[in-house]
PDB file of N, CA and C in Angstrom:
ATOM      1  N   MET A   1     204.261 228.422 156.664  1.00  0.00           N
ATOM      2  CA  MET A   1     204.417 226.998 156.868  1.00  0.00           C
ATOM      3  C   MET A   1     205.774 226.727 157.519  1.00  0.00           C
ATOM      4  N   ASN A   2     205.770 226.001 158.585  1.00  0.00           N
ATOM      5  CA  ASN A   2     207.003 225.727 159.308  1.00  0.00           C
ATOM      6  C   ASN A   2     207.458 224.281 159.156  1.00  0.00           C
ATOM      7  N   LYS A   3     206.913 223.596 158.181  1.00  0.00           N
ATOM      8  CA  LYS A   3     207.318 222.208 157.955  1.00  0.00           C
ATOM      9  C   LYS A   3     208.647 222.167 157.229  1.00  0.00           C
ATOM     10  N   PRO A   4     209.484 221.199 157.537  1.00  0.00           N
ATOM     11  CA  PRO A   4     210.692 221.015 156.720  1.00  0.00           C
ATOM     12  C   PRO A   4     210.294 220.580 155.310  1.00  0.00           C
ATOM     13  N   PHE A   5     211.096 220.973 154.348  1.00  0.00           N
ATOM     14  CA  PHE A   5     210.780 220.703 152.947  1.00  0.00           C
ATOM     15  C   PHE A   5     210.568 219.214 152.692  1.00  0.00           C
ATOM     16  N   HIS A   6     211.377 218.369 153.296  1.00  0.00           N
ATOM     17  CA  HIS A   6     211.280 216.930 153.020  1.00  0.00           C
ATOM     18  C   HIS A   6     210.005 216.302 153.599  1.00  0.00           C
ATOM     19  N   LEU A   7     209.323 216.983 154.508  1.00  0.00           N
ATOM     20  CA  LEU A   7     208.079 216.463 155.068  1.00  0.00           C
ATOM     21  C   LEU A   7     206.840 217.005 154.357  1.00  0.00           C
ATOM     22  N   MET A   8     207.002 217.917 153.419  1.00  0.00           N
ATOM     23  CA  MET A   8     205.867 218.506 152.714  1.00  0.00           C
ATOM     24  C   MET A   8     205.345 217.559 151.641  1.00  0.00           C
ATOM     25  N   THR A   9     204.071 217.689 151.364  1.00  0.00           N
ATOM     26  CA  THR A   9     203.473 216.934 150.253  1.00  0.00           C
ATOM     27  C   THR A   9     203.895 217.618 148.957  1.00  0.00           C
ATOM     28  N   PRO A  10     203.790 216.918 147.834  1.00  0.00           N
ATOM     29  CA  PRO A  10     204.132 217.557 146.558  1.00  0.00           C
ATOM     30  C   PRO A  10     203.340 218.847 146.298  1.00  0.00           C
ATOM     31  N   ALA A  11     202.085 218.874 146.686  1.00  0.00           N
ATOM     32  CA  ALA A  11     201.275 220.084 146.487  1.00  0.00           C
ATOM     33  C   ALA A  11     201.807 221.237 147.337  1.00  0.00           C
ATOM     34  N   GLU A  12     202.213 220.943 148.565  1.00  0.00           N
ATOM     35  CA  GLU A  12     202.761 221.974 149.443  1.00  0.00           C
ATOM     36  C   GLU A  12     204.102 222.486 148.916  1.00  0.00           C
ATOM     37  N   ARG A  13     204.906 221.586 148.395  1.00  0.00           N
ATOM     38  CA  ARG A  13     206.199 221.992 147.815  1.00  0.00           C
ATOM     39  C   ARG A  13     205.984 222.916 146.629  1.00  0.00           C
ATOM     40  N   THR A  14     205.023 222.548 145.779  1.00  0.00           N
ATOM     41  CA  THR A  14     204.732 223.373 144.603  1.00  0.00           C
ATOM     42  C   THR A  14     204.231 224.750 145.033  1.00  0.00           C
ATOM     43  N   ALA A  15     203.329 224.785 145.998  1.00  0.00           N
ATOM     44  CA  ALA A  15     202.795 226.056 146.483  1.00  0.00           C
ATOM     45  C   ALA A  15     203.909 226.917 147.085  1.00  0.00           C
ATOM     46  N   LEU A  16     204.813 226.303 147.821  1.00  0.00           N
ATOM     47  CA  LEU A  16     205.932 227.031 148.413  1.00  0.00           C
ATOM     48  C   LEU A  16     206.828 227.621 147.331  1.00  0.00           C
ATOM     49  N   ARG A  17     207.122 226.807 146.329  1.00  0.00           N
ATOM     50  CA  ARG A  17     208.007 227.269 145.247  1.00  0.00           C
ATOM     51  C   ARG A  17     207.370 228.410 144.467  1.00  0.00           C
ATOM     52  N   ILE A  18     206.049 228.325 144.237  1.00  0.00           N
ATOM     53  CA  ILE A  18     205.345 229.402 143.537  1.00  0.00           C
ATOM     54  C   ILE A  18     205.413 230.685 144.364  1.00  0.00           C
ATOM     55  N   ALA A  19     205.216 230.560 145.671  1.00  0.00           N
ATOM     56  CA  ALA A  19     205.286 231.736 146.542  1.00  0.00           C
ATOM     57  C   ALA A  19     206.695 232.339 146.541  1.00  0.00           C
ATOM     58  N   GLN A  20     207.713 231.488 146.550  1.00  0.00           N
ATOM     59  CA  GLN A  20     209.090 231.987 146.521  1.00  0.00           C
ATOM     60  C   GLN A  20     209.378 232.688 145.192  1.00  0.00           C
ATOM     61  N   ASN A  21     208.938 232.102 144.088  1.00  0.00           N
ATOM     62  CA  ASN A  21     209.149 232.722 142.777  1.00  0.00           C
ATOM     63  C   ASN A  21     208.432 234.060 142.682  1.00  0.00           C
ATOM     64  N   ARG A  22     207.221 234.131 143.224  1.00  0.00           N
ATOM     65  CA  ARG A  22     206.463 235.377 143.202  1.00  0.00           C
ATOM     66  C   ARG A  22     207.194 236.451 144.008  1.00  0.00           C
ATOM     67  N   ALA A  23     207.733 236.079 145.152  1.00  0.00           N
ATOM     68  CA  ALA A  23     208.472 237.043 145.976  1.00  0.00           C
ATOM     69  C   ALA A  23     209.719 237.545 145.245  1.00  0.00           C
ATOM     70  N   ILE A  24     210.404 236.645 144.567  1.00  0.00           N
ATOM     71  CA  ILE A  24     211.591 237.033 143.797  1.00  0.00           C
ATOM     72  C   ILE A  24     211.200 237.994 142.679  1.00  0.00           C
ATOM     73  N   SER A  25     210.120 237.682 141.960  1.00  0.00           N
ATOM     74  CA  SER A  25     209.665 238.542 140.864  1.00  0.00           C
ATOM     75  C   SER A  25     209.281 239.926 141.365  1.00  0.00           C
ATOM     76  N   GLU A  26     208.607 239.995 142.509  1.00  0.00           N
ATOM     77  CA  GLU A  26     208.228 241.283 143.062  1.00  0.00           C
ATOM     78  C   GLU A  26     209.446 242.095 143.468  1.00  0.00           C
ATOM     79  N   LYS A  27     210.456 241.430 144.020  1.00  0.00           N
ATOM     80  CA  LYS A  27     211.684 242.137 144.411  1.00  0.00           C
ATOM     81  C   LYS A  27     212.390 242.703 143.184  1.00  0.00           C
ATOM     82  N   ILE A  28     212.445 241.926 142.126  1.00  0.00           N
ATOM     83  CA  ILE A  28     213.078 242.396 140.892  1.00  0.00           C
ATOM     84  C   ILE A  28     212.315 243.585 140.329  1.00  0.00           C
ATOM     85  N   ALA A  29     210.986 243.508 140.355  1.00  0.00           N
ATOM     86  CA  ALA A  29     210.168 244.611 139.849  1.00  0.00           C
ATOM     87  C   ALA A  29     210.393 245.876 140.680  1.00  0.00           C
ATOM     88  N   GLU A  30     210.511 245.743 141.981  1.00  0.00           N
ATOM     89  CA  GLU A  30     210.778 246.899 142.837  1.00  0.00           C
ATOM     90  C   GLU A  30     212.138 247.506 142.523  1.00  0.00           C
ATOM     91  N   ASP A  31     213.142 246.659 142.317  1.00  0.00           N
ATOM     92  CA  ASP A  31     214.485 247.149 142.011  1.00  0.00           C
ATOM     93  C   ASP A  31     214.495 247.903 140.691  1.00  0.00           C
ATOM     94  N   LYS A  32     213.746 247.410 139.707  1.00  0.00           N
ATOM     95  CA  LYS A  32     213.698 248.093 138.410  1.00  0.00           C
ATOM     96  C   LYS A  32     213.060 249.461 138.541  1.00  0.00           C
ATOM     97  N   LEU A  33     212.079 249.600 139.425  1.00  0.00           N
ATOM     98  CA  LEU A  33     211.434 250.897 139.613  1.00  0.00           C
ATOM     99  C   LEU A  33     212.355 251.882 140.308  1.00  0.00           C
ATOM    100  N   GLN A  34     213.237 251.405 141.164  1.00  0.00           N
ATOM    101  CA  GLN A  34     214.120 252.287 141.920  1.00  0.00           C
ATOM    102  C   GLN A  34     215.334 252.727 141.123  1.00  0.00           C
ATOM    103  N   LYS A  35     215.783 251.923 140.186  1.00  0.00           N
ATOM    104  CA  LYS A  35     216.977 252.263 139.420  1.00  0.00           C
ATOM    105  C   LYS A  35     216.638 253.310 138.360  1.00  0.00           C
ATOM    106  N   PRO A  36     217.535 254.255 138.141  1.00  0.00           N
ATOM    107  CA  PRO A  36     217.290 255.213 137.061  1.00  0.00           C
ATOM    108  C   PRO A  36     217.430 254.495 135.715  1.00  0.00           C
ATOM    109  N   PRO A  37     216.709 254.942 134.709  1.00  0.00           N
ATOM    110  CA  PRO A  37     216.806 254.276 133.412  1.00  0.00           C
ATOM    111  C   PRO A  37     218.210 254.427 132.817  1.00  0.00           C
ATOM    112  N   ALA A  38     218.630 253.429 132.113  1.00  0.00           N
ATOM    113  CA  ALA A  38     219.947 253.461 131.478  1.00  0.00           C
ATOM    114  C   ALA A  38     219.931 254.472 130.342  1.00  0.00           C
ATOM    115  N   LYS A  39     221.088 255.031 130.073  1.00  0.00           N
ATOM    116  CA  LYS A  39     221.169 255.985 128.972  1.00  0.00           C
ATOM    117  C   LYS A  39     220.966 255.245 127.656  1.00  0.00           C
ATOM    118  N   SER A  40     220.273 255.875 126.775  1.00  0.00           N
ATOM    119  CA  SER A  40     219.994 255.268 125.478  1.00  0.00           C
ATOM    120  C   SER A  40     221.253 255.274 124.623  1.00  0.00           C
ATOM    121  N   THR A  41     221.476 254.174 123.940  1.00  0.00           N
ATOM    122  CA  THR A  41     222.598 254.116 123.011  1.00  0.00           C
ATOM    123  C   THR A  41     222.082 254.261 121.590  1.00  0.00           C
ATOM    124  N   GLY A  42     220.849 254.699 121.435  1.00  0.00           N
ATOM    125  CA  GLY A  42     220.234 254.812 120.123  1.00  0.00           C
ATOM    126  C   GLY A  42     220.651 256.048 119.356  1.00  0.00           C
ATOM    127  N   ASP A  43     221.501 256.885 119.923  1.00  0.00           N
ATOM    128  CA  ASP A  43     221.956 258.080 119.222  1.00  0.00           C
ATOM    129  C   ASP A  43     223.123 257.696 118.312  1.00  0.00           C
ATOM    130  N   TYR A  44     222.837 257.586 117.045  1.00  0.00           N
ATOM    131  CA  TYR A  44     223.855 257.177 116.096  1.00  0.00           C
ATOM    132  C   TYR A  44     224.420 258.415 115.407  1.00  0.00           C
ATOM    133  N   VAL A  45     225.692 258.384 115.152  1.00  0.00           N
ATOM    134  CA  VAL A  45     226.345 259.477 114.462  1.00  0.00           C
ATOM    135  C   VAL A  45     226.278 259.174 112.977  1.00  0.00           C
ATOM    136  N   ARG A  46     225.718 260.110 112.245  1.00  0.00           N
ATOM    137  CA  ARG A  46     225.650 259.923 110.790  1.00  0.00           C
ATOM    138  C   ARG A  46     226.906 260.529 110.185  1.00  0.00           C
ATOM    139  N   MET A  47     227.591 259.717 109.382  1.00  0.00           N
ATOM    140  CA  MET A  47     228.816 260.174 108.748  1.00  0.00           C
ATOM    141  C   MET A  47     228.690 260.046 107.244  1.00  0.00           C
ATOM    142  N   THR A  48     229.417 260.896 106.576  1.00  0.00           N
ATOM    143  CA  THR A  48     229.491 260.781 105.121  1.00  0.00           C
ATOM    144  C   THR A  48     230.485 259.672 104.796  1.00  0.00           C
ATOM    145  N   PRO A  49     230.437 259.146 103.578  1.00  0.00           N
ATOM    146  CA  PRO A  49     231.412 258.113 103.200  1.00  0.00           C
ATOM    147  C   PRO A  49     232.859 258.582 103.348  1.00  0.00           C
ATOM    148  N   GLU A  50     233.093 259.864 103.105  1.00  0.00           N
ATOM    149  CA  GLU A  50     234.465 260.380 103.240  1.00  0.00           C
ATOM    150  C   GLU A  50     234.911 260.349 104.709  1.00  0.00           C
ATOM    151  N   GLU A  51     234.005 260.706 105.606  1.00  0.00           N
ATOM    152  CA  GLU A  51     234.335 260.671 107.029  1.00  0.00           C
ATOM    153  C   GLU A  51     234.575 259.239 107.500  1.00  0.00           C
ATOM    154  N   ARG A  52     233.787 258.300 106.993  1.00  0.00           N
ATOM    155  CA  ARG A  52     233.998 256.888 107.339  1.00  0.00           C
ATOM    156  C   ARG A  52     235.357 256.396 106.852  1.00  0.00           C
ATOM    157  N   ALA A  53     235.740 256.808 105.662  1.00  0.00           N
ATOM    158  CA  ALA A  53     237.031 256.392 105.108  1.00  0.00           C
ATOM    159  C   ALA A  53     238.174 256.906 105.982  1.00  0.00           C
ATOM    160  N   LYS A  54     238.055 258.157 106.433  1.00  0.00           N
ATOM    161  CA  LYS A  54     239.090 258.717 107.311  1.00  0.00           C
ATOM    162  C   LYS A  54     239.162 257.927 108.622  1.00  0.00           C
ATOM    163  N   LEU A  55     238.004 257.627 109.180  1.00  0.00           N
ATOM    164  CA  LEU A  55     237.964 256.884 110.436  1.00  0.00           C
ATOM    165  C   LEU A  55     238.529 255.477 110.249  1.00  0.00           C
ATOM    166  N   ALA A  56     238.201 254.826 109.143  1.00  0.00           N
ATOM    167  CA  ALA A  56     238.717 253.480 108.885  1.00  0.00           C
ATOM    168  C   ALA A  56     240.232 253.509 108.755  1.00  0.00           C
ATOM    169  N   GLY A  57     240.768 254.530 108.107  1.00  0.00           N
ATOM    170  CA  GLY A  57     242.213 254.656 107.988  1.00  0.00           C
ATOM    171  C   GLY A  57     242.864 254.832 109.344  1.00  0.00           C
ATOM    172  N   LEU A  58     242.240 255.586 110.207  1.00  0.00           N
ATOM    173  CA  LEU A  58     242.760 255.806 111.548  1.00  0.00           C
ATOM    174  C   LEU A  58     242.745 254.502 112.348  1.00  0.00           C
ATOM    175  N   VAL A  59     241.677 253.715 112.238  1.00  0.00           N
ATOM    176  CA  VAL A  59     241.574 252.457 112.954  1.00  0.00           C
ATOM    177  C   VAL A  59     242.648 251.487 112.464  1.00  0.00           C
ATOM    178  N   ARG A  60     242.870 251.461 111.167  1.00  0.00           N
ATOM    179  CA  ARG A  60     243.907 250.560 110.616  1.00  0.00           C
ATOM    180  C   ARG A  60     245.278 250.930 111.163  1.00  0.00           C
ATOM    181  N   LYS A  61     245.569 252.245 111.270  1.00  0.00           N
ATOM    182  CA  LYS A  61     246.870 252.681 111.770  1.00  0.00           C
ATOM    183  C   LYS A  61     247.060 252.300 113.227  1.00  0.00           C
ATOM    184  N   VAL A  62     246.012 252.448 114.022  1.00  0.00           N
ATOM    185  CA  VAL A  62     246.105 252.147 115.442  1.00  0.00           C
ATOM    186  C   VAL A  62     246.275 250.648 115.674  1.00  0.00           C
ATOM    187  N   SER A  63     245.535 249.815 114.919  1.00  0.00           N
ATOM    188  CA  SER A  63     245.606 248.385 115.153  1.00  0.00           C
ATOM    189  C   SER A  63     246.849 247.746 114.552  1.00  0.00           C
ATOM    190  N   SER A  64     247.541 248.436 113.675  1.00  0.00           N
ATOM    191  CA  SER A  64     248.750 247.860 113.047  1.00  0.00           C
ATOM    192  C   SER A  64     249.920 247.884 113.991  1.00  0.00           C
TER     193      SER A  64
END
């Protein structure tokens, strides 16, 4: 459609906006497929209470 936006009917404006949104969504989907997956941060370190106490003491010393 080569009409200026201000000359379009409301239905034409809506159709144009839907087409633009669809194009944006497709571009985002393509970008997600091309990017490598982010590294998982789900690897949690299990510590004993004694190890946590040592770490907490170290954090207190650094922040003081």
